[in-house]
Amino acid sequence: MSDTAVNDLTATVTGDIDGDTRLLAAIAYGEGSTDDVETEIAGIAHAVVNRAKAWGNRTVSEVIRDDPNYSYATNGKSERFNLLKASSLDAINKSKGMRLAINAARQALAGQGDDPSNGAYWWDGIDLKDKKSVNPRIAYGFKYGDASHNIFGMPPILKPQVIYWQVRNKKTGQIENSKERGRFDCIYVSKAAHGKTIFWRYNPDYVKASGAKEYK
């Protein structure tokens, strides 16, 4: 699933770069801020791999195929994504950010090194502040796992729900609510924040109450 992993993410990139490694690196580079923060770029790479592994050990390509809205960078409009996808090894080595992205991708795919995302599966950049309804965190609610994750100065969006077990009424044949299965105040909770990116995972209360798959 990867090339050889490295410990120094700023190291010179050597050897062939396989398709999944380049795709993952392009996502991390394209989604990361232009400040090229090491923990931000590496966090995005690890978050993608975290989800891929949880989702039946999919490849990065398969995750993007099965969830085309997962990464904004893959929609063809991200200059940074397109640049890394097309860059030669020489060009990659002349760019600190692209070197970071390739090396972080190799490390994440190899299951090595620290995971700056803290086990996350999703992330948001500063566009979270736009509060677009298509953003799942805006649509379904979020809260911070730690106050330090609130890097954009946004209050949490809470949308409390109660989930009930469903049973069929023997007299009417209709499906009705039975005992309470669980309750939650939002679907997403932050796991980390680096650079201009907040990393997310499902709220455990939501997973327990709904029976949802953590990676979907």
Protein backbone atom coordinates (compact mmCIF):
# COMPACT_ATOMS: atom_id res chain seq x y z
CA MET A 1 0.00 0.00 0.00
CA SER A 2 3.00 2.32 0.22
CA ASP A 3 6.56 3.10 -0.68
CA THR A 4 9.28 3.00 1.99
CA ALA A 5 8.32 5.11 5.03
CA VAL A 6 10.62 7.84 6.34
CA ASN A 7 11.09 9.45 9.73
CA ASP A 8 12.18 12.93 8.62
CA LEU A 9 9.29 14.47 6.71
CA THR A 10 11.56 17.18 5.28
CA ALA A 11 13.98 14.63 3.83
CA THR A 12 14.76 14.47 0.13
CA VAL A 13 12.29 12.25 -1.66
CA THR A 14 13.88 9.32 -3.47
CA GLY A 15 12.67 6.34 -5.44
CA ASP A 16 9.50 5.76 -7.40
CA ILE A 17 6.24 7.28 -6.13
CA ASP A 18 3.35 4.88 -6.61
CA GLY A 19 -0.11 6.09 -7.59
CA ASP A 20 -1.78 5.84 -4.19
CA THR A 21 1.13 7.57 -2.45
CA ARG A 22 1.03 10.43 -4.94
CA LEU A 23 -2.75 10.71 -4.64
CA LEU A 24 -2.60 10.79 -0.84
CA ALA A 25 0.22 13.32 -0.88
CA ALA A 26 -1.69 15.51 -3.33
CA ILE A 27 -4.75 15.43 -1.06
CA ALA A 28 -2.68 16.37 2.00
CA TYR A 29 -0.86 19.12 0.11
CA GLY A 30 -3.99 20.40 -1.59
CA GLU A 31 -6.11 20.40 1.56
CA GLY A 32 -3.39 21.85 3.79
CA SER A 33 -2.87 25.57 4.19
CA THR A 34 -0.19 27.35 2.17
CA ASP A 35 1.91 27.72 5.34
CA ASP A 36 2.97 24.09 4.81
CA VAL A 37 2.69 23.15 8.48
CA GLU A 38 4.19 19.70 9.00
CA THR A 39 1.62 18.47 11.53
CA GLU A 40 -1.24 19.78 9.38
CA ILE A 41 -0.11 18.05 6.19
CA ALA A 42 0.80 14.85 8.02
CA GLY A 43 -2.48 14.94 9.94
CA ILE A 44 -4.51 15.02 6.75
CA ALA A 45 -2.50 12.13 5.29
CA HIS A 46 -3.03 10.08 8.43
CA ALA A 47 -6.75 10.92 8.59
CA VAL A 48 -7.29 9.58 5.06
CA VAL A 49 -5.37 6.41 5.85
CA ASN A 50 -7.21 6.00 9.16
CA ARG A 51 -10.49 5.99 7.30
CA ALA A 52 -9.21 3.76 4.51
CA LYS A 53 -8.01 1.14 6.98
CA ALA A 54 -11.23 1.24 9.00
CA TRP A 55 -13.27 0.99 5.81
CA GLY A 56 -12.22 -2.56 4.99
CA ASN A 57 -8.57 -1.72 4.30
CA ARG A 58 -9.44 0.22 1.18
CA THR A 59 -6.78 1.96 -0.85
CA VAL A 60 -6.81 5.74 -0.97
CA SER A 61 -8.06 5.55 -4.55
CA GLU A 62 -10.97 3.36 -3.46
CA VAL A 63 -11.95 5.76 -0.67
CA ILE A 64 -12.07 8.67 -3.13
CA ARG A 65 -13.99 6.55 -5.62
CA ASP A 66 -16.56 5.46 -3.06
CA ASP A 67 -16.89 8.90 -1.43
CA PRO A 68 -16.21 11.48 -4.15
CA ASN A 69 -17.13 14.34 -1.80
CA TYR A 70 -14.58 13.31 0.81
CA SER A 71 -11.84 15.68 -0.30
CA TYR A 72 -12.42 19.09 -1.88
CA ALA A 73 -8.92 18.94 -3.36
CA THR A 74 -9.82 16.05 -5.66
CA ASN A 75 -12.50 18.00 -7.55
CA GLY A 76 -9.95 19.25 -10.07
CA LYS A 77 -9.99 22.89 -8.94
CA SER A 78 -7.20 22.77 -6.36
CA GLU A 79 -4.00 24.21 -7.81
CA ARG A 80 -1.87 22.60 -5.12
CA PHE A 81 -3.44 19.17 -5.64
CA ASN A 82 -2.98 19.40 -9.40
CA LEU A 83 0.59 20.67 -9.01
CA LEU A 84 1.76 17.76 -6.89
CA LYS A 85 -0.06 15.23 -9.05
CA ALA A 86 1.86 16.48 -12.08
CA SER A 87 5.24 17.35 -10.54
CA SER A 88 8.46 15.54 -11.31
CA LEU A 89 10.63 14.19 -8.50
CA ASP A 90 13.01 17.10 -9.02
CA ALA A 91 10.19 19.64 -8.69
CA ILE A 92 8.86 17.91 -5.58
CA ASN A 93 12.26 18.08 -3.92
CA LYS A 94 12.49 21.82 -4.58
CA SER A 95 9.27 22.38 -2.59
CA LYS A 96 9.24 21.95 1.19
CA GLY A 97 5.48 21.44 1.19
CA MET A 98 5.48 18.78 -1.49
CA ARG A 99 8.38 16.94 0.16
CA LEU A 100 6.46 16.98 3.41
CA ALA A 101 3.37 15.65 1.67
CA ILE A 102 5.12 12.75 -0.08
CA ASN A 103 7.04 11.72 3.02
CA ALA A 104 3.95 12.05 5.22
CA ALA A 105 1.97 9.94 2.78
CA ARG A 106 4.62 7.24 2.79
CA GLN A 107 4.76 7.25 6.56
CA ALA A 108 0.98 7.14 6.99
CA LEU A 109 0.53 4.33 4.48
CA ALA A 110 3.24 2.33 6.22
CA GLY A 111 1.52 2.78 9.58
CA GLN A 112 4.57 4.51 11.01
CA GLY A 113 5.23 7.71 12.90
CA ASP A 114 2.97 9.87 15.03
CA ASP A 115 -0.57 10.58 13.86
CA PRO A 116 -1.14 14.34 14.33
CA SER A 117 -4.86 13.88 13.55
CA ASN A 118 -5.23 11.81 16.74
CA GLY A 119 -7.18 9.09 15.00
CA ALA A 120 -9.45 11.39 12.97
CA TYR A 121 -11.24 10.46 9.74
CA TRP A 122 -12.30 13.94 8.55
CA TRP A 123 -11.04 17.51 8.61
CA ASP A 124 -12.02 21.11 7.85
CA GLY A 125 -10.05 24.17 6.89
CA ILE A 126 -10.90 27.80 7.41
CA ASP A 127 -13.87 27.46 5.05
CA LEU A 128 -15.70 25.93 8.02
CA LYS A 129 -16.38 29.52 9.04
CA ASP A 130 -18.51 29.98 5.90
CA LYS A 131 -21.08 27.69 7.57
CA LYS A 132 -22.21 26.19 4.27
CA SER A 133 -25.07 23.75 4.71
CA VAL A 134 -23.31 21.15 2.54
CA ASN A 135 -20.57 20.87 5.15
CA PRO A 136 -21.42 17.86 7.35
CA ARG A 137 -20.14 19.57 10.50
CA ILE A 138 -22.52 22.47 9.87
CA ALA A 139 -25.39 20.24 8.80
CA TYR A 140 -25.17 17.69 11.62
CA GLY A 141 -23.46 19.58 14.41
CA PHE A 142 -20.06 19.49 16.08
CA LYS A 143 -18.32 20.16 19.35
CA TYR A 144 -14.72 20.40 20.46
CA GLY A 145 -12.94 17.53 22.16
CA ASP A 146 -10.61 20.15 23.62
CA ALA A 147 -10.95 23.94 23.79
CA SER A 148 -7.58 24.31 22.04
CA HIS A 149 -9.11 22.85 18.86
CA ASN A 150 -11.27 25.96 18.38
CA ILE A 151 -8.75 27.68 16.14
CA PHE A 152 -11.38 29.65 14.19
CA GLY A 153 -13.20 31.12 17.18
CA MET A 154 -16.45 29.32 16.34
CA PRO A 155 -18.94 28.15 18.94
CA PRO A 156 -19.98 24.50 18.67
CA ILE A 157 -23.14 23.69 16.75
CA LEU A 158 -25.29 21.37 18.85
CA LYS A 159 -28.26 19.48 17.44
CA PRO A 160 -29.53 17.19 20.21
CA GLN A 161 -31.36 14.04 19.17
CA VAL A 162 -32.86 11.01 20.87
CA ILE A 163 -32.90 7.68 19.03
CA TYR A 164 -35.43 4.97 19.88
CA TRP A 165 -35.54 1.28 19.08
CA GLN A 166 -38.19 0.59 16.45
CA VAL A 167 -40.84 -2.11 16.92
CA ARG A 168 -43.89 -3.17 14.98
CA ASN A 169 -47.24 -2.71 16.73
CA LYS A 170 -48.88 -6.14 16.56
CA LYS A 171 -52.35 -4.60 16.46
CA THR A 172 -51.83 -1.90 13.84
CA GLY A 173 -48.85 -3.30 11.96
CA GLN A 174 -47.21 0.14 12.17
CA ILE A 175 -43.57 0.74 13.14
CA GLU A 176 -43.38 2.68 16.41
CA ASN A 177 -40.79 3.95 18.85
CA SER A 178 -39.97 1.62 21.71
CA LYS A 179 -37.28 2.07 24.36
CA GLU A 180 -34.69 4.80 24.04
CA ARG A 181 -31.58 3.56 22.26
CA GLY A 182 -29.42 6.59 23.01
CA ARG A 183 -29.00 10.33 22.67
CA PHE A 184 -26.35 12.71 21.40
CA ASP A 185 -25.86 16.43 21.02
CA CYS A 186 -24.00 16.43 17.68
CA ILE A 187 -22.48 13.97 15.23
CA TYR A 188 -18.87 15.22 15.09
CA VAL A 189 -16.27 15.87 17.78
CA SER A 190 -12.82 17.35 17.17
CA LYS A 191 -9.73 15.25 17.76
CA ALA A 192 -6.94 17.73 16.99
CA ALA A 193 -6.13 21.03 15.28
CA HIS A 194 -2.97 22.03 13.42
CA GLY A 195 -2.18 24.96 11.19
CA LYS A 196 -5.53 25.96 9.73
CA THR A 197 -7.17 22.54 9.94
CA ILE A 198 -9.47 20.93 12.52
CA PHE A 199 -9.64 17.14 12.56
CA TRP A 200 -12.86 15.24 13.32
CA ARG A 201 -14.31 11.90 14.19
CA TYR A 202 -17.86 10.81 14.97
CA ASN A 203 -19.19 11.56 18.45
CA PRO A 204 -19.10 8.20 20.33
CA ASP A 205 -22.57 8.95 21.70
CA TYR A 206 -23.88 9.20 18.13
CA VAL A 207 -22.24 5.91 17.12
CA LYS A 208 -23.68 4.13 20.14
CA ALA A 209 -27.17 5.55 19.68
CA SER A 210 -27.42 5.09 15.93
CA GLY A 211 -25.29 2.03 15.28
CA ALA A 212 -23.54 3.99 12.51
CA LYS A 213 -20.27 2.84 11.02
CA GLU A 214 -17.52 5.15 12.30
CA TYR A 215 -15.94 5.48 8.87
CA LYS A 216 -19.07 6.25 6.78
